[in-house]
């Protein structure tokens, strides 16, 4: 009697060959022309709506006669020493930054829609590399200032001796929009001076709120008032926070 064997599940996939081979190409080190020696094959995984797709990418291998550097031709749709194509990376980044999906959910989403399932760690590395290329002062800050609604929500979060001050725009058209934050090490309780410095930094950057929503009026109220454009003698108390205008 044969032993029990687990069922083997197979999924049809497509193999496609792509050539990125040249007789000569420019050396990125010295700029000289490097002749082709031979071809090599790289294996890559691409996205598709119907089935998994594996690419056999034939690239030319070159040696520069000037600096003796040996290198492969680099296709624009592949990163150096990478398996997933740029389209896979782009879909993962868009799922996080455009669709606001949690990074841990992205692999399952890509597997469902595009037949690829990178590890969660890879998704986090891709998003971190993308974020490293964003210049906050040039790419994000002017846009936030130009679209600021005038309402600022300041909150604080603690973990051990680390405090985090967050400022968001709750009236933004796309929901709560991050305006600014600051980390305060060796801080178990945020005081009024810390909040005042934080609000003054936002005001210097162009964020002058008409209304400031805070959770702890005792030490945030006065600091928030100093950063507001309009000063009224009113405060709205509620279970979730305080509105200072």
Protein backbone atom coordinates (compact mmCIF):
# COMPACT_ATOMS: atom_id res chain seq x y z
CA UNK A 1 0.00 0.00 0.00
CA UNK A 2 1.50 3.34 -1.07
CA UNK A 3 2.01 6.01 1.64
CA UNK A 4 -0.19 9.07 1.59
CA UNK A 5 1.16 11.90 -0.47
CA UNK A 6 0.19 15.51 -0.13
CA UNK A 7 -1.62 16.92 -3.11
CA UNK A 8 0.64 18.85 -5.46
CA UNK A 9 -0.86 22.11 -6.69
CA UNK A 10 0.52 23.55 -9.92
CA UNK A 11 -0.11 26.89 -11.56
CA UNK A 12 0.53 27.45 -15.28
CA UNK A 13 2.98 30.24 -15.97
CA UNK A 14 4.39 31.95 -19.04
CA UNK A 15 8.09 32.16 -19.94
CA UNK A 16 9.10 35.11 -22.06
CA UNK A 17 12.51 35.94 -23.50
CA UNK A 18 13.79 39.50 -23.67
CA UNK A 19 17.07 40.59 -25.29
CA UNK A 20 19.10 43.52 -24.03
CA UNK A 21 22.35 42.88 -25.87
CA UNK A 22 24.59 45.37 -27.69
CA UNK A 23 27.79 45.20 -29.71
CA UNK A 24 29.29 48.04 -27.67
CA UNK A 25 28.05 50.17 -24.81
CA UNK A 26 29.33 53.00 -22.63
CA UNK A 27 31.33 52.23 -19.50
CA UNK A 28 29.73 53.97 -16.52
CA UNK A 29 33.10 54.30 -14.78
CA UNK A 30 35.25 56.04 -17.40
CA UNK A 31 32.85 56.75 -20.27
CA UNK A 32 34.78 54.66 -22.79
CA UNK A 33 33.19 52.32 -25.31
CA UNK A 34 33.23 48.70 -24.12
CA UNK A 35 32.86 45.88 -26.68
CA UNK A 36 30.67 42.86 -26.06
CA UNK A 37 32.33 39.59 -24.99
CA UNK A 38 29.34 37.26 -24.66
CA UNK A 39 25.73 37.09 -23.53
CA UNK A 40 24.37 36.03 -20.15
CA UNK A 41 20.82 35.28 -19.03
CA UNK A 42 19.10 36.86 -16.06
CA UNK A 43 15.87 35.51 -14.61
CA UNK A 44 13.21 38.03 -13.59
CA UNK A 45 9.61 37.97 -12.34
CA UNK A 46 7.11 40.37 -13.90
CA UNK A 47 3.46 41.27 -13.26
CA UNK A 48 0.56 40.01 -15.37
CA UNK A 49 -3.21 39.96 -15.06
CA UNK A 50 -3.72 36.40 -16.32
CA UNK A 51 -0.87 34.22 -15.05
CA UNK A 52 2.60 34.27 -13.46
CA UNK A 53 5.28 35.51 -15.85
CA UNK A 54 8.98 34.61 -15.74
CA UNK A 55 11.37 36.58 -17.94
CA UNK A 56 14.58 35.20 -19.39
CA UNK A 57 16.51 38.42 -19.99
CA UNK A 58 19.52 37.99 -22.27
CA UNK A 59 22.05 40.75 -21.55
CA UNK A 60 25.44 41.41 -23.08
CA UNK A 61 28.63 41.23 -21.02
CA UNK A 62 31.27 43.87 -21.78
CA UNK A 63 34.86 44.69 -20.83
CA UNK A 64 36.10 48.26 -21.02
CA UNK A 65 39.52 48.46 -22.73
CA UNK A 66 40.30 51.73 -20.90
CA UNK A 67 39.69 50.82 -17.23
CA UNK A 68 39.37 47.00 -17.59
CA UNK A 69 35.98 46.99 -15.91
CA UNK A 70 33.75 44.02 -16.72
CA UNK A 71 30.02 44.62 -16.51
CA UNK A 72 26.65 43.59 -17.86
CA UNK A 73 24.30 45.77 -19.86
CA UNK A 74 21.65 47.01 -17.45
CA UNK A 75 18.03 46.86 -18.70
CA UNK A 76 15.96 49.87 -17.55
CA UNK A 77 13.11 47.61 -16.38
CA UNK A 78 15.38 45.73 -13.93
CA UNK A 79 17.38 46.90 -10.95
CA UNK A 80 20.97 45.68 -10.53
CA UNK A 81 21.10 42.17 -8.99
CA UNK A 82 17.31 42.13 -8.63
CA UNK A 83 14.73 39.51 -9.56
CA UNK A 84 11.52 41.53 -9.56
CA UNK A 85 11.00 44.00 -12.39
CA UNK A 86 10.52 47.71 -11.83
CA UNK A 87 6.79 47.28 -12.48
CA UNK A 88 6.48 44.99 -9.45
CA UNK A 89 8.31 47.52 -7.28
CA UNK A 90 6.13 50.35 -8.59
CA UNK A 91 2.89 48.49 -7.88
CA UNK A 92 4.03 47.77 -4.30
CA UNK A 93 4.98 51.41 -3.68
CA UNK A 94 1.69 52.66 -5.14
CA UNK A 95 -0.27 50.27 -2.91
CA UNK A 96 1.39 51.80 0.17
CA UNK A 97 1.66 55.49 -0.71
CA UNK A 98 -1.33 55.96 -3.04
CA UNK A 99 -3.82 53.36 -1.78
CA UNK A 100 -2.72 53.68 1.89
CA UNK A 101 -2.45 49.93 2.30
CA UNK A 102 -0.52 48.43 5.21
CA UNK A 103 2.80 46.99 4.08
CA UNK A 104 1.97 43.58 5.53
CA UNK A 105 -1.07 43.39 3.22
CA UNK A 106 0.74 44.31 0.01
CA UNK A 107 2.15 40.83 -0.84
CA UNK A 108 -1.33 39.27 -0.75
CA UNK A 109 -2.76 42.13 -2.82
CA UNK A 110 -0.06 41.71 -5.49
CA UNK A 111 -0.55 37.95 -5.50
CA UNK A 112 -4.29 38.38 -6.03
CA UNK A 113 -4.10 41.03 -8.75
CA UNK A 114 -0.77 40.45 -10.52
CA UNK A 115 0.40 36.88 -9.73
CA UNK A 116 3.50 37.94 -7.80
CA UNK A 117 4.09 37.73 -4.06
CA UNK A 118 7.26 39.41 -2.79
CA UNK A 119 8.14 39.09 0.87
CA UNK A 120 6.91 41.76 3.27
CA UNK A 121 10.55 42.63 4.00
CA UNK A 122 11.12 43.39 0.31
CA UNK A 123 8.08 45.67 0.25
CA UNK A 124 9.41 47.56 3.27
CA UNK A 125 12.85 47.93 1.66
CA UNK A 126 11.33 49.23 -1.58
CA UNK A 127 9.20 51.76 0.27
CA UNK A 128 12.15 52.88 2.38
CA UNK A 129 14.30 53.40 -0.72
CA UNK A 130 11.48 55.37 -2.33
CA UNK A 131 11.04 57.56 0.76
CA UNK A 132 14.80 58.24 0.95
CA UNK A 133 14.62 59.98 -2.42
CA UNK A 134 11.83 62.34 -1.36
CA UNK A 135 13.04 65.83 -0.48
CA UNK A 136 10.60 66.97 2.21
CA UNK A 137 11.41 70.66 1.84
CA UNK A 138 11.01 70.59 -1.95
CA UNK A 139 8.50 67.83 -2.75
CA UNK A 140 6.11 67.76 0.22
CA UNK A 141 6.28 70.82 2.42
CA UNK A 142 5.21 73.45 -0.18
CA UNK A 143 2.25 71.27 -1.18
CA UNK A 144 1.14 70.88 2.44
CA UNK A 145 1.40 74.62 3.08
CA UNK A 146 -0.52 75.48 -0.10
CA UNK A 147 -3.35 73.05 0.74
CA UNK A 148 -3.51 73.62 4.52
CA UNK A 149 -7.13 73.96 5.69
CA UNK A 150 -6.35 76.16 8.68
CA UNK A 151 -7.15 73.45 11.25
CA UNK A 152 -4.28 71.75 13.06
CA UNK A 153 -4.53 68.69 15.31
CA UNK A 154 -1.59 68.20 17.68
CA UNK A 155 -1.24 64.91 19.54
CA UNK A 156 1.40 63.11 21.55
CA UNK A 157 2.42 59.45 21.75
CA UNK A 158 4.72 57.83 24.29
CA UNK A 159 6.83 54.70 24.29
CA UNK A 160 9.03 54.39 27.32
CA UNK A 161 11.29 57.45 27.44
CA UNK A 162 10.48 58.44 23.86
CA UNK A 163 7.78 60.98 23.04
CA UNK A 164 6.37 61.72 19.58
CA UNK A 165 4.56 64.95 18.76
CA UNK A 166 2.34 64.76 15.67
CA UNK A 167 0.58 67.52 13.79
CA UNK A 168 -2.05 66.62 11.19
CA UNK A 169 -4.58 68.49 9.10
CA UNK A 170 -7.92 66.76 9.90
CA UNK A 171 -9.87 68.78 7.34
CA UNK A 172 -7.77 67.80 4.32
CA UNK A 173 -9.72 66.54 1.32
CA UNK A 174 -8.01 63.14 1.46
CA UNK A 175 -8.40 62.66 5.23
CA UNK A 176 -5.91 63.28 8.03
CA UNK A 177 -2.79 64.68 6.37
CA UNK A 178 0.56 64.69 8.16
CA UNK A 179 1.82 68.24 8.59
CA UNK A 180 4.80 67.67 10.85
CA UNK A 181 6.26 65.62 13.66
CA UNK A 182 9.13 65.65 16.10
CA UNK A 183 10.75 62.96 18.24
CA UNK A 184 11.64 63.85 21.83
CA UNK A 185 14.04 61.32 23.40
CA UNK A 186 14.29 60.94 27.16
CA UNK A 187 10.86 62.49 27.58
CA UNK A 188 8.12 60.89 29.65
CA UNK A 189 5.82 63.91 29.54
CA UNK A 190 5.63 66.71 27.00
CA UNK A 191 5.57 70.18 28.53
CA UNK A 192 4.35 73.51 27.21
CA UNK A 193 7.81 74.64 26.11
CA UNK A 194 8.30 71.59 23.90
CA UNK A 195 4.95 72.10 22.21
CA UNK A 196 5.64 75.82 21.72
CA UNK A 197 8.92 75.05 19.96
CA UNK A 198 7.13 72.51 17.78
CA UNK A 199 4.31 74.90 16.82
CA UNK A 200 6.80 77.73 16.18
CA UNK A 201 8.69 75.47 13.76
CA UNK A 202 5.46 74.79 11.88
CA UNK A 203 4.65 78.50 11.80
CA UNK A 204 8.12 79.24 10.40
CA UNK A 205 7.47 76.67 7.66
CA UNK A 206 4.24 78.46 6.71
CA UNK A 207 1.66 76.56 8.77
CA UNK A 208 -0.33 79.24 10.59
CA UNK A 209 -3.47 77.54 11.99
CA UNK A 210 -6.80 79.25 12.61
CA UNK A 211 -7.83 76.44 14.96
CA UNK A 212 -5.71 73.99 16.95
CA UNK A 213 -7.13 70.74 18.33
CA UNK A 214 -5.17 69.27 21.22
CA UNK A 215 -5.62 66.43 23.68
CA UNK A 216 -3.96 67.99 26.73
CA UNK A 217 -5.12 71.57 27.15
CA UNK A 218 -3.10 72.04 30.33
CA UNK A 219 0.24 72.28 28.58
CA UNK A 220 -0.69 72.64 24.92
CA UNK A 221 -3.27 75.40 25.00
CA UNK A 222 -0.95 78.37 25.49
CA UNK A 223 1.60 77.06 23.00
CA UNK A 224 -1.08 76.45 20.41
CA UNK A 225 -2.49 79.92 20.88
CA UNK A 226 0.91 81.45 20.12
CA UNK A 227 0.93 79.80 16.70
CA UNK A 228 -2.62 80.68 15.68
CA UNK A 229 -3.39 83.52 13.33
CA UNK A 230 -6.63 84.41 15.08
CA UNK A 231 -6.87 84.67 18.86
CA UNK A 232 -10.29 84.16 20.43
CA UNK A 233 -11.18 83.61 24.04
CA UNK A 234 -12.88 80.24 23.62
CA UNK A 235 -12.24 76.56 24.26
CA UNK A 236 -14.39 73.54 23.53
CA UNK A 237 -13.98 70.69 26.02
CA UNK A 238 -14.85 67.15 24.99
CA UNK A 239 -13.99 63.52 25.76
CA UNK A 240 -11.52 63.25 22.87
CA UNK A 241 -9.69 66.54 23.18
CA UNK A 242 -9.83 70.30 23.32
CA UNK A 243 -10.39 72.80 20.53
CA UNK A 244 -8.43 76.00 20.94
CA UNK A 245 -9.28 78.90 18.65
